[in-house]
Amino acid sequence: MKNKEVFFQDWGLLTYEQAWDKQEAIFAETVAIKTNNRNHPETAQQTPNYLIFVEHPHVYTLGKSGKAENLLLDEQALKEKEASFHKINRGGDITYHGPGQLVGYPILDLDNFFTDIHLYLRTLEEAVILTLADYGIKAGRYEGYTGVWLDADNQKARKICAMGVRCSRWVTMHGFAFNVNTNLDYFKNIVPCGIDDKDVTSMQRELGKVLNINEVKDKLKNHIAKLFEMNLAVL
């Protein structure tokens, strides 16, 4: 029987390193349960699922397919910006995380939902699109790219949510970075996701006001739960 119970956690403001370690521990535990279930079906147990929200202090992360030259700052400039830099094992190129940005880390056993990584990404995108629609912002997808975009069909195309995931044995980690009240100046120091001819935006920029990020979290969490048919439990 598929386990669609999902433990929701809001980690608040947490350094990327701390969040990485916590993610890795949950991910490793879930993969270990799956391995044990395969080797010892007589003692099989259900795998857990997690949906984690967090904000990070200023940090740039580079995915496996990324190019280091897409970071336009040297070590001294990073210090001046009070930002850190990490190479990590998700898909995608370089991106920025910082205060006012809602980062989501779903650590799900997709065997509990559906084993289709493209559908997984499209479903996460849809949850963000629906959340933006709640605020009167029309968003969609940009053919050939992941993430959520505004005006993707014309020269004003701008990304409001980036995505990069890792999946092993159908267990996911990493996730999405949704610009709510993000300081967009930090994106000027990178070639975001390796795309040098497209703009980046935020809900604050589009609406001309600071958003209640907790309200945005609630709306997004509920859309994710509905689309994935999750039963959310708060830890």
Protein backbone atom coordinates (compact mmCIF):
# COMPACT_ATOMS: atom_id res chain seq x y z
CA MET A 1 0.00 0.00 0.00
CA LYS A 2 1.33 3.42 -0.94
CA ASN A 3 2.14 5.74 1.95
CA LYS A 4 0.91 9.23 1.10
CA GLU A 5 1.40 10.63 4.59
CA VAL A 6 3.92 13.46 4.38
CA PHE A 7 5.66 15.06 7.34
CA PHE A 8 5.78 18.84 6.92
CA GLN A 9 8.60 20.81 8.53
CA ASP A 10 9.45 24.52 8.39
CA TRP A 11 13.11 24.92 9.26
CA GLY A 12 12.97 28.74 9.27
CA LEU A 13 16.24 30.50 8.43
CA LEU A 14 19.00 27.89 8.25
CA THR A 15 22.44 27.89 6.62
CA TYR A 16 22.76 25.90 3.45
CA GLU A 17 25.34 23.60 5.07
CA GLN A 18 23.03 22.78 7.99
CA ALA A 19 20.07 22.17 5.70
CA TRP A 20 22.23 20.01 3.44
CA ASP A 21 23.27 17.79 6.33
CA LYS A 22 19.69 17.41 7.56
CA GLN A 23 18.46 16.67 4.05
CA GLU A 24 21.17 14.09 3.47
CA ALA A 25 20.35 12.31 6.73
CA ILE A 26 16.63 12.03 5.90
CA PHE A 27 17.40 11.00 2.31
CA ALA A 28 19.89 8.33 3.41
CA GLU A 29 17.45 6.94 5.97
CA THR A 30 14.70 6.63 3.37
CA VAL A 31 16.99 4.94 0.83
CA ALA A 32 18.18 2.54 3.55
CA ILE A 33 14.59 1.54 4.33
CA LYS A 34 13.94 0.88 0.63
CA THR A 35 17.11 -1.21 0.38
CA ASN A 36 16.17 -3.22 3.45
CA ASN A 37 12.65 -3.75 2.09
CA ARG A 38 14.06 -5.13 -1.13
CA ASN A 39 16.51 -7.45 0.63
CA HIS A 40 14.15 -8.50 3.44
CA PRO A 41 10.56 -8.26 2.14
CA GLU A 42 9.31 -10.23 5.12
CA THR A 43 10.09 -7.27 7.40
CA ALA A 44 9.25 -4.49 4.93
CA GLN A 45 8.16 -1.15 6.37
CA GLN A 46 6.64 1.91 4.75
CA THR A 47 9.01 4.61 3.61
CA PRO A 48 8.47 8.10 5.07
CA ASN A 49 7.87 11.24 3.01
CA TYR A 50 8.83 14.81 3.94
CA LEU A 51 8.02 18.30 2.67
CA ILE A 52 10.47 20.84 4.06
CA PHE A 53 10.36 24.63 3.73
CA VAL A 54 13.39 26.76 4.59
CA GLU A 55 15.06 30.11 3.93
CA HIS A 56 18.82 30.39 3.58
CA PRO A 57 21.32 33.17 4.24
CA HIS A 58 22.93 34.40 1.00
CA VAL A 59 24.39 31.44 -0.89
CA TYR A 60 25.16 30.38 -4.46
CA THR A 61 24.89 26.69 -5.40
CA LEU A 62 26.23 25.00 -8.53
CA GLY A 63 24.61 21.80 -9.82
CA LYS A 64 26.33 18.85 -11.49
CA SER A 65 25.81 20.18 -15.01
CA GLY A 66 26.76 23.74 -14.11
CA LYS A 67 29.76 25.80 -15.15
CA ALA A 68 31.86 27.52 -12.48
CA GLU A 69 32.29 30.58 -14.72
CA ASN A 70 28.56 31.30 -14.26
CA LEU A 71 29.52 32.64 -10.82
CA LEU A 72 30.74 36.18 -11.51
CA LEU A 73 32.31 36.76 -8.07
CA ASP A 74 35.72 35.80 -6.73
CA GLU A 75 36.33 34.69 -3.15
CA GLN A 76 36.86 38.22 -1.84
CA ALA A 77 33.71 39.52 -3.55
CA LEU A 78 31.72 36.65 -2.00
CA LYS A 79 32.90 37.75 1.44
CA GLU A 80 31.91 41.34 0.73
CA LYS A 81 28.43 40.14 -0.27
CA GLU A 82 28.29 37.96 2.88
CA ALA A 83 27.56 35.01 0.60
CA SER A 84 28.89 31.47 0.37
CA PHE A 85 29.32 29.10 -2.58
CA HIS A 86 28.75 25.33 -2.82
CA LYS A 87 29.02 22.70 -5.54
CA ILE A 88 26.24 20.17 -5.00
CA ASN A 89 24.79 16.96 -6.44
CA ARG A 90 21.46 18.18 -7.81
CA GLY A 91 20.65 18.70 -11.45
CA GLY A 92 20.79 22.14 -13.02
CA ASP A 93 23.33 24.94 -13.18
CA ILE A 94 23.96 27.80 -10.74
CA THR A 95 21.34 29.53 -8.63
CA TYR A 96 21.04 31.84 -5.65
CA HIS A 97 19.28 31.36 -2.31
CA GLY A 98 18.69 34.06 0.27
CA PRO A 99 16.30 35.59 2.79
CA GLY A 100 12.82 36.20 1.43
CA GLN A 101 13.08 33.25 -0.92
CA LEU A 102 10.95 30.20 -0.16
CA VAL A 103 13.04 27.07 -0.68
CA GLY A 104 11.23 23.74 -0.75
CA TYR A 105 12.87 20.36 -0.23
CA PRO A 106 10.43 17.51 -0.85
CA ILE A 107 12.10 14.26 0.23
CA LEU A 108 9.59 11.83 -1.21
CA ASP A 109 9.64 8.16 -2.12
CA LEU A 110 8.01 8.49 -5.53
CA ASP A 111 6.99 4.84 -5.31
CA ASN A 112 4.38 6.23 -2.92
CA PHE A 113 3.10 8.64 -5.60
CA PHE A 114 4.22 8.05 -9.20
CA THR A 115 7.55 7.01 -10.69
CA ASP A 116 7.91 9.75 -13.28
CA ILE A 117 10.50 12.45 -12.61
CA HIS A 118 9.18 14.71 -15.37
CA LEU A 119 5.66 14.52 -13.95
CA TYR A 120 7.16 15.21 -10.53
CA LEU A 121 8.78 18.43 -11.75
CA ARG A 122 5.67 19.52 -13.67
CA THR A 123 3.54 18.93 -10.57
CA LEU A 124 5.81 21.08 -8.40
CA GLU A 125 5.71 23.76 -11.06
CA GLU A 126 1.91 23.60 -11.12
CA ALA A 127 1.73 24.14 -7.37
CA VAL A 128 3.79 27.34 -7.73
CA ILE A 129 1.71 28.47 -10.71
CA LEU A 130 -1.50 28.00 -8.69
CA THR A 131 -0.01 29.89 -5.73
CA LEU A 132 0.90 32.82 -7.95
CA ALA A 133 -2.61 32.77 -9.42
CA ASP A 134 -3.95 33.22 -5.87
CA TYR A 135 -2.22 36.63 -5.93
CA GLY A 136 -3.34 37.55 -9.43
CA ILE A 137 -0.01 36.73 -11.07
CA LYS A 138 -0.28 34.77 -14.31
CA ALA A 139 2.62 32.34 -14.63
CA GLY A 140 3.50 29.30 -16.71
CA ARG A 141 6.30 27.22 -18.16
CA TYR A 142 9.06 28.01 -20.64
CA GLU A 143 9.51 25.25 -23.20
CA GLY A 144 12.88 23.57 -22.81
CA TYR A 145 13.48 24.88 -19.29
CA THR A 146 12.38 23.83 -15.82
CA GLY A 147 10.89 26.21 -13.28
CA VAL A 148 8.10 28.76 -13.35
CA TRP A 149 8.12 31.80 -15.61
CA LEU A 150 6.17 34.97 -16.31
CA ASP A 151 5.59 36.11 -19.89
CA ALA A 152 7.37 33.02 -21.17
CA ASP A 153 5.95 33.57 -24.65
CA ASN A 154 7.64 36.91 -25.29
CA GLN A 155 10.79 38.99 -24.78
CA LYS A 156 9.77 39.93 -21.24
CA ALA A 157 10.23 36.33 -20.04
CA ARG A 158 11.43 36.20 -16.43
CA LYS A 159 11.87 33.33 -13.99
CA ILE A 160 10.22 33.46 -10.57
CA CYS A 161 10.92 29.91 -9.39
CA ALA A 162 13.97 27.75 -10.14
CA MET A 163 14.09 23.97 -9.76
CA GLY A 164 16.83 21.40 -9.39
CA VAL A 165 16.32 17.90 -8.03
CA ARG A 166 18.20 14.73 -7.33
CA CYS A 167 16.48 11.35 -7.47
CA SER A 168 17.97 8.01 -6.43
CA ARG A 169 15.92 4.80 -6.21
CA TRP A 170 12.91 7.06 -6.73
CA VAL A 171 13.68 9.04 -3.57
CA THR A 172 13.92 12.80 -4.21
CA MET A 173 15.88 15.58 -2.59
CA HIS A 174 16.66 19.25 -3.30
CA GLY A 175 13.69 20.96 -4.94
CA PHE A 176 12.67 24.52 -5.76
CA ALA A 177 13.56 28.14 -4.97
CA PHE A 178 10.56 30.48 -5.15
CA ASN A 179 11.27 34.22 -5.13
CA VAL A 180 8.79 35.87 -2.78
CA ASN A 181 10.57 38.87 -1.19
CA THR A 182 14.00 38.02 -2.58
CA ASN A 183 16.74 40.65 -3.02
CA LEU A 184 17.11 40.29 -6.79
CA ASP A 185 20.41 42.22 -6.87
CA TYR A 186 22.16 39.00 -5.85
CA PHE A 187 21.20 37.42 -9.16
CA LYS A 188 23.35 40.03 -10.92
CA ASN A 189 26.40 38.16 -9.64
CA ILE A 190 25.64 34.96 -11.57
CA VAL A 191 24.33 33.74 -14.90
CA PRO A 192 21.15 32.26 -13.35
CA CYS A 193 20.72 28.60 -14.30
CA GLY A 194 23.19 29.25 -17.13
CA ILE A 195 20.66 31.47 -18.94
CA ASP A 196 22.25 34.82 -19.77
CA ASP A 197 19.45 36.44 -21.77
CA LYS A 198 16.46 36.13 -19.41
CA ASP A 199 15.43 38.17 -16.38
CA VAL A 200 14.65 37.00 -12.84
CA THR A 201 11.75 38.34 -10.79
CA SER A 202 9.93 37.98 -7.47
CA MET A 203 6.41 38.33 -6.13
CA GLN A 204 7.49 41.54 -4.39
CA ARG A 205 8.72 43.03 -7.64
CA GLU A 206 5.62 42.01 -9.58
CA LEU A 207 3.12 43.23 -6.98
CA GLY A 208 5.07 46.23 -5.72
CA LYS A 209 4.81 45.24 -2.07
CA VAL A 210 6.34 42.95 0.53
CA LEU A 211 4.41 39.70 0.86
CA ASN A 212 3.53 37.84 4.05
CA ILE A 213 5.79 34.86 3.38
CA ASN A 214 4.00 32.68 5.92
CA GLU A 215 0.76 33.20 4.01
CA VAL A 216 2.54 32.24 0.77
CA LYS A 217 3.94 29.14 2.47
CA ASP A 218 0.47 28.05 3.56
CA LYS A 219 -1.00 28.48 0.09
CA LEU A 220 1.88 26.67 -1.61
CA LYS A 221 1.89 23.84 0.94
CA ASN A 222 -1.83 23.28 0.39
CA HIS A 223 -1.49 23.26 -3.40
CA ILE A 224 1.37 20.73 -3.22
CA ALA A 225 -0.65 18.52 -0.88
CA LYS A 226 -3.71 18.59 -3.13
CA LEU A 227 -1.83 17.94 -6.39
CA PHE A 228 0.16 15.04 -4.94
CA GLU A 229 -2.85 13.79 -2.93
CA MET A 230 -0.77 13.99 0.24
CA ASN A 231 -1.95 13.72 3.79
CA LEU A 232 0.16 16.34 5.58
CA ALA A 233 1.28 15.87 9.16
CA VAL A 234 3.23 18.61 10.94
CA LEU A 235 6.37 17.51 12.78
